[in-house]
Amino acid sequence: MDARWLMLGLAAAMFGTAAIARPGDGAAGHALAQKHCGACHALDKVGKSPKPEAPPFRTLHERYPVEGLEEALAEGMVTLHPDMPEITFAPDDIDDFIAYLKTLEK
C-alpha cells in the first residue's frame, strides 16, 4: 500500500473521531450530581457531606484520577455499603460528570 494512502486514512480516522467527541459540560455534570449524589455527598469546593461517611466530591481526585471513574459510571457503580444507589450514566452524562469533578480540583 502506498504510504500516502495510509497516512491519509490515518488522518481521516483521527479527525473523524475528534469530530464525534464532545467536551463535557461541568454545569450539566453538577446538575447530575445534585440529582443523584447530593443527598449524601458534599458537591462543592466547601462544605460537609450530609452523610459524614460519604466523601466530599472535592476530595475524589486525591484518591484516584477522576477519569478512572468512566467505566464505573458507564456500567453502574457498585459499593459495599447499601445506602449508595447503583447509578448508570449515559456517555454524554459521563463526560459532563467528569468535567464537573475536574472543576473541583482547581
PDB file of N, CA and C in Angstrom:
ATOM      1  N   MET A   1       0.849  -1.179   0.000  1.00  0.00           N
ATOM      2  CA  MET A   1       0.000   0.000   0.000  1.00  0.00           C
ATOM      3  C   MET A   1       0.888   1.233   0.000  1.00  0.00           C
ATOM      4  N   ASP A   2       0.517   2.194  -0.787  1.00  0.00           N
ATOM      5  CA  ASP A   2       1.249   3.448  -0.871  1.00  0.00           C
ATOM      6  C   ASP A   2       1.175   4.158   0.484  1.00  0.00           C
ATOM      7  N   ALA A   3       2.304   4.639   0.973  1.00  0.00           N
ATOM      8  CA  ALA A   3       2.369   5.286   2.286  1.00  0.00           C
ATOM      9  C   ALA A   3       1.479   6.521   2.356  1.00  0.00           C
ATOM     10  N   ARG A   4       1.305   7.201   1.224  1.00  0.00           N
ATOM     11  CA  ARG A   4       0.444   8.391   1.231  1.00  0.00           C
ATOM     12  C   ARG A   4      -1.002   8.022   1.561  1.00  0.00           C
ATOM     13  N   TRP A   5      -1.475   6.910   1.013  1.00  0.00           N
ATOM     14  CA  TRP A   5      -2.846   6.482   1.284  1.00  0.00           C
ATOM     15  C   TRP A   5      -3.005   6.060   2.744  1.00  0.00           C
ATOM     16  N   LEU A   6      -1.975   5.423   3.260  1.00  0.00           N
ATOM     17  CA  LEU A   6      -2.008   5.024   4.662  1.00  0.00           C
ATOM     18  C   LEU A   6      -2.097   6.251   5.568  1.00  0.00           C
ATOM     19  N   MET A   7      -1.273   7.254   5.293  1.00  0.00           N
ATOM     20  CA  MET A   7      -1.286   8.478   6.096  1.00  0.00           C
ATOM     21  C   MET A   7      -2.621   9.212   5.959  1.00  0.00           C
ATOM     22  N   LEU A   8      -3.167   9.243   4.746  1.00  0.00           N
ATOM     23  CA  LEU A   8      -4.452   9.890   4.526  1.00  0.00           C
ATOM     24  C   LEU A   8      -5.557   9.179   5.316  1.00  0.00           C
ATOM     25  N   GLY A   9      -5.517   7.863   5.305  1.00  0.00           N
ATOM     26  CA  GLY A   9      -6.504   7.089   6.059  1.00  0.00           C
ATOM     27  C   GLY A   9      -6.391   7.323   7.553  1.00  0.00           C
ATOM     28  N   LEU A  10      -5.159   7.361   8.062  1.00  0.00           N
ATOM     29  CA  LEU A  10      -4.959   7.625   9.489  1.00  0.00           C
ATOM     30  C   LEU A  10      -5.437   9.025   9.863  1.00  0.00           C
ATOM     31  N   ALA A  11      -5.137  10.002   9.030  1.00  0.00           N
ATOM     32  CA  ALA A  11      -5.569  11.376   9.307  1.00  0.00           C
ATOM     33  C   ALA A  11      -7.094  11.466   9.309  1.00  0.00           C
ATOM     34  N   ALA A  12      -7.738  10.812   8.364  1.00  0.00           N
ATOM     35  CA  ALA A  12      -9.200  10.838   8.307  1.00  0.00           C
ATOM     36  C   ALA A  12      -9.799  10.190   9.550  1.00  0.00           C
ATOM     37  N   ALA A  13      -9.197   9.097   9.991  1.00  0.00           N
ATOM     38  CA  ALA A  13      -9.698   8.422  11.188  1.00  0.00           C
ATOM     39  C   ALA A  13      -9.552   9.310  12.419  1.00  0.00           C
ATOM     40  N   MET A  14      -8.414   9.998  12.539  1.00  0.00           N
ATOM     41  CA  MET A  14      -8.190  10.864  13.695  1.00  0.00           C
ATOM     42  C   MET A  14      -9.163  12.036  13.703  1.00  0.00           C
ATOM     43  N   PHE A  15      -9.329  12.690  12.564  1.00  0.00           N
ATOM     44  CA  PHE A  15     -10.224  13.843  12.516  1.00  0.00           C
ATOM     45  C   PHE A  15     -11.676  13.417  12.641  1.00  0.00           C
ATOM     46  N   GLY A  16     -12.006  12.264  12.133  1.00  0.00           N
ATOM     47  CA  GLY A  16     -13.370  11.754  12.269  1.00  0.00           C
ATOM     48  C   GLY A  16     -13.715  11.490  13.717  1.00  0.00           C
ATOM     49  N   THR A  17     -12.783  10.938  14.462  1.00  0.00           N
ATOM     50  CA  THR A  17     -13.003  10.678  15.882  1.00  0.00           C
ATOM     51  C   THR A  17     -13.118  11.980  16.659  1.00  0.00           C
ATOM     52  N   ALA A  18     -12.275  12.941  16.336  1.00  0.00           N
ATOM     53  CA  ALA A  18     -12.316  14.221  17.050  1.00  0.00           C
ATOM     54  C   ALA A  18     -13.646  14.932  16.829  1.00  0.00           C
ATOM     55  N   ALA A  19     -14.222  14.770  15.657  1.00  0.00           N
ATOM     56  CA  ALA A  19     -15.488  15.436  15.374  1.00  0.00           C
ATOM     57  C   ALA A  19     -16.626  14.825  16.183  1.00  0.00           C
ATOM     58  N   ILE A  20     -16.522  13.557  16.533  1.00  0.00           N
ATOM     59  CA  ILE A  20     -17.566  12.871  17.276  1.00  0.00           C
ATOM     60  C   ILE A  20     -17.509  13.229  18.759  1.00  0.00           C
ATOM     61  N   ALA A  21     -16.313  13.324  19.299  1.00  0.00           N
ATOM     62  CA  ALA A  21     -16.150  13.583  20.727  1.00  0.00           C
ATOM     63  C   ALA A  21     -16.658  14.981  21.070  1.00  0.00           C
ATOM     64  N   ARG A  22     -17.233  15.117  22.250  1.00  0.00           N
ATOM     65  CA  ARG A  22     -17.662  16.431  22.704  1.00  0.00           C
ATOM     66  C   ARG A  22     -17.103  16.650  24.100  1.00  0.00           C
ATOM     67  N   PRO A  23     -16.712  17.870  24.396  1.00  0.00           N
ATOM     68  CA  PRO A  23     -16.216  18.131  25.745  1.00  0.00           C
ATOM     69  C   PRO A  23     -17.362  18.070  26.749  1.00  0.00           C
ATOM     70  N   GLY A  24     -17.036  17.695  27.952  1.00  0.00           N
ATOM     71  CA  GLY A  24     -18.057  17.640  28.987  1.00  0.00           C
ATOM     72  C   GLY A  24     -18.482  19.029  29.431  1.00  0.00           C
ATOM     73  N   ASP A  25     -19.676  19.129  29.937  1.00  0.00           N
ATOM     74  CA  ASP A  25     -20.249  20.373  30.438  1.00  0.00           C
ATOM     75  C   ASP A  25     -20.309  20.275  31.961  1.00  0.00           C
ATOM     76  N   GLY A  26     -19.409  21.007  32.624  1.00  0.00           N
ATOM     77  CA  GLY A  26     -19.325  20.936  34.078  1.00  0.00           C
ATOM     78  C   GLY A  26     -20.614  21.323  34.789  1.00  0.00           C
ATOM     79  N   ALA A  27     -21.339  22.305  34.255  1.00  0.00           N
ATOM     80  CA  ALA A  27     -22.604  22.718  34.880  1.00  0.00           C
ATOM     81  C   ALA A  27     -23.644  21.603  34.788  1.00  0.00           C
ATOM     82  N   ALA A  28     -23.689  20.938  33.644  1.00  0.00           N
ATOM     83  CA  ALA A  28     -24.620  19.808  33.494  1.00  0.00           C
ATOM     84  C   ALA A  28     -24.214  18.668  34.422  1.00  0.00           C
ATOM     85  N   GLY A  29     -22.899  18.459  34.575  1.00  0.00           N
ATOM     86  CA  GLY A  29     -22.415  17.430  35.490  1.00  0.00           C
ATOM     87  C   GLY A  29     -22.767  17.745  36.933  1.00  0.00           C
ATOM     88  N   HIS A  30     -22.699  19.023  37.301  1.00  0.00           N
ATOM     89  CA  HIS A  30     -23.083  19.428  38.655  1.00  0.00           C
ATOM     90  C   HIS A  30     -24.566  19.157  38.886  1.00  0.00           C
ATOM     91  N   ALA A  31     -25.390  19.412  37.880  1.00  0.00           N
ATOM     92  CA  ALA A  31     -26.828  19.131  37.999  1.00  0.00           C
ATOM     93  C   ALA A  31     -27.070  17.634  38.196  1.00  0.00           C
ATOM     94  N   LEU A  32     -26.310  16.801  37.489  1.00  0.00           N
ATOM     95  CA  LEU A  32     -26.423  15.347  37.683  1.00  0.00           C
ATOM     96  C   LEU A  32     -26.044  14.968  39.109  1.00  0.00           C
ATOM     97  N   ALA A  33     -24.960  15.571  39.600  1.00  0.00           N
ATOM     98  CA  ALA A  33     -24.512  15.280  40.964  1.00  0.00           C
ATOM     99  C   ALA A  33     -25.572  15.697  41.981  1.00  0.00           C
ATOM    100  N   GLN A  34     -26.191  16.847  41.768  1.00  0.00           N
ATOM    101  CA  GLN A  34     -27.253  17.287  42.679  1.00  0.00           C
ATOM    102  C   GLN A  34     -28.404  16.286  42.686  1.00  0.00           C
ATOM    103  N   LYS A  35     -28.764  15.812  41.519  1.00  0.00           N
ATOM    104  CA  LYS A  35     -29.898  14.896  41.397  1.00  0.00           C
ATOM    105  C   LYS A  35     -29.612  13.534  42.019  1.00  0.00           C
ATOM    106  N   HIS A  36     -28.422  12.989  41.753  1.00  0.00           N
ATOM    107  CA  HIS A  36     -28.135  11.608  42.134  1.00  0.00           C
ATOM    108  C   HIS A  36     -27.275  11.452  43.388  1.00  0.00           C
ATOM    109  N   CYS A  37     -26.525  12.486  43.754  1.00  0.00           N
ATOM    110  CA  CYS A  37     -25.485  12.297  44.770  1.00  0.00           C
ATOM    111  C   CYS A  37     -25.567  13.260  45.955  1.00  0.00           C
ATOM    112  N   GLY A  38     -26.264  14.367  45.788  1.00  0.00           N
ATOM    113  CA  GLY A  38     -26.255  15.426  46.781  1.00  0.00           C
ATOM    114  C   GLY A  38     -26.869  15.082  48.123  1.00  0.00           C
ATOM    115  N   ALA A  39     -27.681  14.060  48.187  1.00  0.00           N
ATOM    116  CA  ALA A  39     -28.276  13.684  49.470  1.00  0.00           C
ATOM    117  C   ALA A  39     -27.230  13.143  50.438  1.00  0.00           C
ATOM    118  N   CYS A  40     -26.109  12.673  49.909  1.00  0.00           N
ATOM    119  CA  CYS A  40     -25.081  12.077  50.766  1.00  0.00           C
ATOM    120  C   CYS A  40     -23.736  12.810  50.695  1.00  0.00           C
ATOM    121  N   HIS A  41     -23.343  13.262  49.506  1.00  0.00           N
ATOM    122  CA  HIS A  41     -22.012  13.837  49.289  1.00  0.00           C
ATOM    123  C   HIS A  41     -22.046  15.359  49.246  1.00  0.00           C
ATOM    124  N   ALA A  42     -20.980  15.994  49.764  1.00  0.00           N
ATOM    125  CA  ALA A  42     -20.771  17.423  49.550  1.00  0.00           C
ATOM    126  C   ALA A  42     -20.366  17.592  48.089  1.00  0.00           C
ATOM    127  N   LEU A  43     -20.991  18.531  47.403  1.00  0.00           N
ATOM    128  CA  LEU A  43     -20.798  18.660  45.963  1.00  0.00           C
ATOM    129  C   LEU A  43     -19.945  19.848  45.550  1.00  0.00           C
ATOM    130  N   ASP A  44     -19.640  20.735  46.477  1.00  0.00           N
ATOM    131  CA  ASP A  44     -18.933  21.955  46.120  1.00  0.00           C
ATOM    132  C   ASP A  44     -17.537  21.990  46.741  1.00  0.00           C
ATOM    133  N   LYS A  45     -16.831  23.098  46.516  1.00  0.00           N
ATOM    134  CA  LYS A  45     -15.453  23.219  46.995  1.00  0.00           C
ATOM    135  C   LYS A  45     -15.361  23.411  48.502  1.00  0.00           C
ATOM    136  N   VAL A  46     -16.481  23.691  49.139  1.00  0.00           N
ATOM    137  CA  VAL A  46     -16.531  23.824  50.600  1.00  0.00           C
ATOM    138  C   VAL A  46     -17.777  23.108  51.101  1.00  0.00           C
ATOM    139  N   GLY A  47     -17.801  22.858  52.383  1.00  0.00           N
ATOM    140  CA  GLY A  47     -18.977  22.249  52.991  1.00  0.00           C
ATOM    141  C   GLY A  47     -18.768  20.788  53.335  1.00  0.00           C
ATOM    142  N   LYS A  48     -19.619  20.328  54.245  1.00  0.00           N
ATOM    143  CA  LYS A  48     -19.555  18.940  54.703  1.00  0.00           C
ATOM    144  C   LYS A  48     -20.587  18.103  53.970  1.00  0.00           C
ATOM    145  N   SER A  49     -20.284  16.827  53.853  1.00  0.00           N
ATOM    146  CA  SER A  49     -21.246  15.897  53.265  1.00  0.00           C
ATOM    147  C   SER A  49     -22.413  15.707  54.222  1.00  0.00           C
ATOM    148  N   PRO A  50     -23.652  15.649  53.702  1.00  0.00           N
ATOM    149  CA  PRO A  50     -24.801  15.374  54.568  1.00  0.00           C
ATOM    150  C   PRO A  50     -24.640  14.071  55.352  1.00  0.00           C
ATOM    151  N   LYS A  51     -24.003  13.088  54.739  1.00  0.00           N
ATOM    152  CA  LYS A  51     -23.675  11.843  55.442  1.00  0.00           C
ATOM    153  C   LYS A  51     -22.167  11.858  55.673  1.00  0.00           C
ATOM    154  N   PRO A  52     -21.722  11.900  56.917  1.00  0.00           N
ATOM    155  CA  PRO A  52     -20.293  12.023  57.208  1.00  0.00           C
ATOM    156  C   PRO A  52     -19.421  10.946  56.565  1.00  0.00           C
ATOM    157  N   GLU A  53     -19.968   9.755  56.364  1.00  0.00           N
ATOM    158  CA  GLU A  53     -19.166   8.683  55.770  1.00  0.00           C
ATOM    159  C   GLU A  53     -19.027   8.817  54.251  1.00  0.00           C
ATOM    160  N   ALA A  54     -19.792   9.709  53.641  1.00  0.00           N
ATOM    161  CA  ALA A  54     -19.718   9.923  52.190  1.00  0.00           C
ATOM    162  C   ALA A  54     -18.661  10.986  51.900  1.00  0.00           C
ATOM    163  N   PRO A  55     -17.629  10.641  51.146  1.00  0.00           N
ATOM    164  CA  PRO A  55     -16.560  11.618  50.910  1.00  0.00           C
ATOM    165  C   PRO A  55     -17.050  12.809  50.083  1.00  0.00           C
ATOM    166  N   PRO A  56     -16.583  14.009  50.426  1.00  0.00           N
ATOM    167  CA  PRO A  56     -16.892  15.167  49.586  1.00  0.00           C
ATOM    168  C   PRO A  56     -16.305  14.951  48.190  1.00  0.00           C
ATOM    169  N   PHE A  57     -17.038  15.332  47.173  1.00  0.00           N
ATOM    170  CA  PHE A  57     -16.554  15.120  45.812  1.00  0.00           C
ATOM    171  C   PHE A  57     -15.270  15.891  45.528  1.00  0.00           C
ATOM    172  N   ARG A  58     -15.028  16.990  46.247  1.00  0.00           N
ATOM    173  CA  ARG A  58     -13.813  17.771  46.010  1.00  0.00           C
ATOM    174  C   ARG A  58     -12.548  16.998  46.385  1.00  0.00           C
ATOM    175  N   THR A  59     -12.694  15.891  47.126  1.00  0.00           N
ATOM    176  CA  THR A  59     -11.519  15.108  47.530  1.00  0.00           C
ATOM    177  C   THR A  59     -11.296  13.869  46.663  1.00  0.00           C
ATOM    178  N   LEU A  60     -12.202  13.584  45.741  1.00  0.00           N
ATOM    179  CA  LEU A  60     -12.074  12.350  44.958  1.00  0.00           C
ATOM    180  C   LEU A  60     -10.774  12.298  44.166  1.00  0.00           C
ATOM    181  N   HIS A  61     -10.355  13.439  43.600  1.00  0.00           N
ATOM    182  CA  HIS A  61      -9.129  13.439  42.793  1.00  0.00           C
ATOM    183  C   HIS A  61      -7.882  13.159  43.636  1.00  0.00           C
ATOM    184  N   GLU A  62      -7.972  13.291  44.940  1.00  0.00           N
ATOM    185  CA  GLU A  62      -6.840  12.986  45.812  1.00  0.00           C
ATOM    186  C   GLU A  62      -6.669  11.477  45.980  1.00  0.00           C
ATOM    187  N   ARG A  63      -7.721  10.731  45.723  1.00  0.00           N
ATOM    188  CA  ARG A  63      -7.697   9.274  45.883  1.00  0.00           C
ATOM    189  C   ARG A  63      -7.322   8.558  44.598  1.00  0.00           C
ATOM    190  N   TYR A  64      -7.809   9.066  43.477  1.00  0.00           N
ATOM    191  CA  TYR A  64      -7.544   8.455  42.170  1.00  0.00           C
ATOM    192  C   TYR A  64      -7.928   9.447  41.082  1.00  0.00           C
ATOM    193  N   PRO A  65      -7.387   9.250  39.877  1.00  0.00           N
ATOM    194  CA  PRO A  65      -7.765  10.151  38.777  1.00  0.00           C
ATOM    195  C   PRO A  65      -9.259  10.010  38.475  1.00  0.00           C
ATOM    196  N   VAL A  66      -9.965  11.122  38.383  1.00  0.00           N
ATOM    197  CA  VAL A  66     -11.407  11.049  38.162  1.00  0.00           C
ATOM    198  C   VAL A  66     -11.753  10.450  36.799  1.00  0.00           C
ATOM    199  N   GLU A  67     -10.828  10.542  35.836  1.00  0.00           N
ATOM    200  CA  GLU A  67     -11.079   9.911  34.540  1.00  0.00           C
ATOM    201  C   GLU A  67     -11.259   8.406  34.701  1.00  0.00           C
ATOM    202  N   GLY A  68     -10.670   7.845  35.743  1.00  0.00           N
ATOM    203  CA  GLY A  68     -10.783   6.417  36.002  1.00  0.00           C
ATOM    204  C   GLY A  68     -12.191   5.990  36.396  1.00  0.00           C
ATOM    205  N   LEU A  69     -13.061   6.940  36.660  1.00  0.00           N
ATOM    206  CA  LEU A  69     -14.444   6.620  37.020  1.00  0.00           C
ATOM    207  C   LEU A  69     -15.326   6.340  35.808  1.00  0.00           C
ATOM    208  N   GLU A  70     -14.834   6.623  34.612  1.00  0.00           N
ATOM    209  CA  GLU A  70     -15.664   6.494  33.407  1.00  0.00           C
ATOM    210  C   GLU A  70     -16.302   5.113  33.285  1.00  0.00           C
ATOM    211  N   GLU A  71     -15.513   4.078  33.441  1.00  0.00           N
ATOM    212  CA  GLU A  71     -16.047   2.721  33.288  1.00  0.00           C
ATOM    213  C   GLU A  71     -17.086   2.409  34.367  1.00  0.00           C
ATOM    214  N   ALA A  72     -16.780   2.783  35.599  1.00  0.00           N
ATOM    215  CA  ALA A  72     -17.727   2.520  36.688  1.00  0.00           C
ATOM    216  C   ALA A  72     -19.033   3.283  36.482  1.00  0.00           C
ATOM    217  N   LEU A  73     -18.946   4.502  35.977  1.00  0.00           N
ATOM    218  CA  LEU A  73     -20.155   5.285  35.729  1.00  0.00           C
ATOM    219  C   LEU A  73     -20.973   4.696  34.584  1.00  0.00           C
ATOM    220  N   ALA A  74     -20.291   4.126  33.604  1.00  0.00           N
ATOM    221  CA  ALA A  74     -20.986   3.537  32.454  1.00  0.00           C
ATOM    222  C   ALA A  74     -21.648   2.210  32.809  1.00  0.00           C
ATOM    223  N   GLU A  75     -20.999   1.444  33.677  1.00  0.00           N
ATOM    224  CA  GLU A  75     -21.502   0.106  33.998  1.00  0.00           C
ATOM    225  C   GLU A  75     -22.338   0.072  35.266  1.00  0.00           C
ATOM    226  N   GLY A  76     -22.298   1.140  36.036  1.00  0.00           N
ATOM    227  CA  GLY A  76     -23.023   1.191  37.303  1.00  0.00           C
ATOM    228  C   GLY A  76     -22.064   0.992  38.456  1.00  0.00           C
ATOM    229  N   MET A  77     -21.989   1.974  39.323  1.00  0.00           N
ATOM    230  CA  MET A  77     -21.088   1.895  40.470  1.00  0.00           C
ATOM    231  C   MET A  77     -21.670   0.942  41.499  1.00  0.00           C
ATOM    232  N   VAL A  78     -20.845   0.027  41.937  1.00  0.00           N
ATOM    233  CA  VAL A  78     -21.247  -0.927  42.966  1.00  0.00           C
ATOM    234  C   VAL A  78     -20.342  -0.696  44.165  1.00  0.00           C
ATOM    235  N   THR A  79     -20.940  -0.522  45.339  1.00  0.00           N
ATOM    236  CA  THR A  79     -20.156  -0.303  46.550  1.00  0.00           C
ATOM    237  C   THR A  79     -20.548  -1.329  47.598  1.00  0.00           C
ATOM    238  N   LEU A  80     -19.790  -1.337  48.656  1.00  0.00           N
ATOM    239  CA  LEU A  80     -20.043  -2.289  49.729  1.00  0.00           C
ATOM    240  C   LEU A  80     -21.020  -1.755  50.773  1.00  0.00           C
ATOM    241  N   HIS A  81     -21.477  -0.522  50.620  1.00  0.00           N
ATOM    242  CA  HIS A  81     -22.457  -0.021  51.584  1.00  0.00           C
ATOM    243  C   HIS A  81     -23.810   0.152  50.891  1.00  0.00           C
ATOM    244  N   PRO A  82     -24.873  -0.211  51.583  1.00  0.00           N
ATOM    245  CA  PRO A  82     -26.198  -0.281  50.958  1.00  0.00           C
ATOM    246  C   PRO A  82     -26.844   1.069  50.645  1.00  0.00           C
ATOM    247  N   ASP A  83     -26.365   2.153  51.250  1.00  0.00           N
ATOM    248  CA  ASP A  83     -27.003   3.450  51.034  1.00  0.00           C
ATOM    249  C   ASP A  83     -26.759   4.022  49.644  1.00  0.00           C
ATOM    250  N   MET A  84     -25.662   3.634  49.013  1.00  0.00           N
ATOM    251  CA  MET A  84     -25.342   4.206  47.708  1.00  0.00           C
ATOM    252  C   MET A  84     -26.086   3.459  46.610  1.00  0.00           C
ATOM    253  N   PRO A  85     -26.928   4.174  45.874  1.00  0.00           N
ATOM    254  CA  PRO A  85     -27.671   3.505  44.802  1.00  0.00           C
ATOM    255  C   PRO A  85     -26.758   3.170  43.635  1.00  0.00           C
ATOM    256  N   GLU A  86     -27.131   2.161  42.874  1.00  0.00           N
ATOM    257  CA  GLU A  86     -26.388   1.837  41.658  1.00  0.00           C
ATOM    258  C   GLU A  86     -26.921   2.735  40.548  1.00  0.00           C
ATOM    259  N   ILE A  87     -26.063   3.597  40.043  1.00  0.00           N
ATOM    260  CA  ILE A  87     -26.443   4.562  39.015  1.00  0.00           C
ATOM    261  C   ILE A  87     -25.618   4.280  37.768  1.00  0.00           C
ATOM    262  N   THR A  88     -26.273   4.254  36.626  1.00  0.00           N
ATOM    263  CA  THR A  88     -25.587   4.088  35.351  1.00  0.00           C
ATOM    264  C   THR A  88     -25.795   5.365  34.543  1.00  0.00           C
ATOM    265  N   PHE A  89     -24.700   5.938  34.070  1.00  0.00           N
ATOM    266  CA  PHE A  89     -24.758   7.184  33.311  1.00  0.00           C
ATOM    267  C   PHE A  89     -24.649   6.914  31.813  1.00  0.00           C
ATOM    268  N   ALA A  90     -25.327   7.728  31.020  1.00  0.00           N
ATOM    269  CA  ALA A  90     -25.183   7.713  29.561  1.00  0.00           C
ATOM    270  C   ALA A  90     -23.825   8.326  29.209  1.00  0.00           C
ATOM    271  N   PRO A  91     -23.277   8.026  28.020  1.00  0.00           N
ATOM    272  CA  PRO A  91     -21.949   8.543  27.657  1.00  0.00           C
ATOM    273  C   PRO A  91     -21.812  10.064  27.791  1.00  0.00           C
ATOM    274  N   ASP A  92     -22.771  10.832  27.320  1.00  0.00           N
ATOM    275  CA  ASP A  92     -22.674  12.289  27.450  1.00  0.00           C
ATOM    276  C   ASP A  92     -22.728  12.718  28.911  1.00  0.00           C
ATOM    277  N   ASP A  93     -23.525  12.026  29.712  1.00  0.00           N
ATOM    278  CA  ASP A  93     -23.594  12.337  31.139  1.00  0.00           C
ATOM    279  C   ASP A  93     -22.260  12.054  31.824  1.00  0.00           C
ATOM    280  N   ILE A  94     -21.582  11.001  31.400  1.00  0.00           N
ATOM    281  CA  ILE A  94     -20.268  10.687  31.971  1.00  0.00           C
ATOM    282  C   ILE A  94     -19.302  11.824  31.685  1.00  0.00           C
ATOM    283  N   ASP A  95     -19.274  12.298  30.441  1.00  0.00           N
ATOM    284  CA  ASP A  95     -18.394  13.416  30.085  1.00  0.00           C
ATOM    285  C   ASP A  95     -18.712  14.642  30.936  1.00  0.00           C
ATOM    286  N   ASP A  96     -19.993  14.914  31.123  1.00  0.00           N
ATOM    287  CA  ASP A  96     -20.402  16.066  31.933  1.00  0.00           C
ATOM    288  C   ASP A  96     -19.998  15.887  33.397  1.00  0.00           C
ATOM    289  N   PHE A  97     -20.216  14.703  33.930  1.00  0.00           N
ATOM    290  CA  PHE A  97     -19.910  14.434  35.336  1.00  0.00           C
ATOM    291  C   PHE A  97     -18.405  14.536  35.594  1.00  0.00           C
ATOM    292  N   ILE A  98     -17.602  13.977  34.700  1.00  0.00           N
ATOM    293  CA  ILE A  98     -16.141  14.064  34.840  1.00  0.00           C
ATOM    294  C   ILE A  98     -15.696  15.524  34.736  1.00  0.00           C
ATOM    295  N   ALA A  99     -16.273  16.273  33.802  1.00  0.00           N
ATOM    296  CA  ALA A  99     -15.930  17.696  33.667  1.00  0.00           C
ATOM    297  C   ALA A  99     -16.255  18.447  34.958  1.00  0.00           C
ATOM    298  N   TYR A 100     -17.387  18.132  35.554  1.00  0.00           N
ATOM    299  CA  TYR A 100     -17.760  18.754  36.832  1.00  0.00           C
ATOM    300  C   TYR A 100     -16.748  18.399  37.924  1.00  0.00           C
ATOM    301  N   LEU A 101     -16.396  17.123  38.044  1.00  0.00           N
ATOM    302  CA  LEU A 101     -15.431  16.723  39.071  1.00  0.00           C
ATOM    303  C   LEU A 101     -14.099  17.435  38.879  1.00  0.00           C
ATOM    304  N   LYS A 102     -13.701  17.649  37.643  1.00  0.00           N
ATOM    305  CA  LYS A 102     -12.437  18.340  37.372  1.00  0.00           C
ATOM    306  C   LYS A 102     -12.489  19.801  37.823  1.00  0.00           C
ATOM    307  N   THR A 103     -13.685  20.411  37.824  1.00  0.00           N
ATOM    308  CA  THR A 103     -13.776  21.796  38.304  1.00  0.00           C
ATOM    309  C   THR A 103     -13.475  21.876  39.794  1.00  0.00           C
ATOM    310  N   LEU A 104     -13.659  20.793  40.506  1.00  0.00           N
ATOM    311  CA  LEU A 104     -13.407  20.778  41.947  1.00  0.00           C
ATOM    312  C   LEU A 104     -11.933  20.623  42.281  1.00  0.00           C
ATOM    313  N   GLU A 105     -11.119  20.256  41.301  1.00  0.00           N
ATOM    314  CA  GLU A 105      -9.688  20.056  41.533  1.00  0.00           C
ATOM    315  C   GLU A 105      -8.935  21.375  41.604  1.00  0.00           C
ATOM    316  N   LYS A 106      -9.498  22.434  41.089  1.00  0.00           N
ATOM    317  CA  LYS A 106      -8.783  23.715  40.979  1.00  0.00           C
ATOM    318  C   LYS A 106      -8.901  24.536  42.233  1.00  0.00           C
TER     319      LYS A 106
END
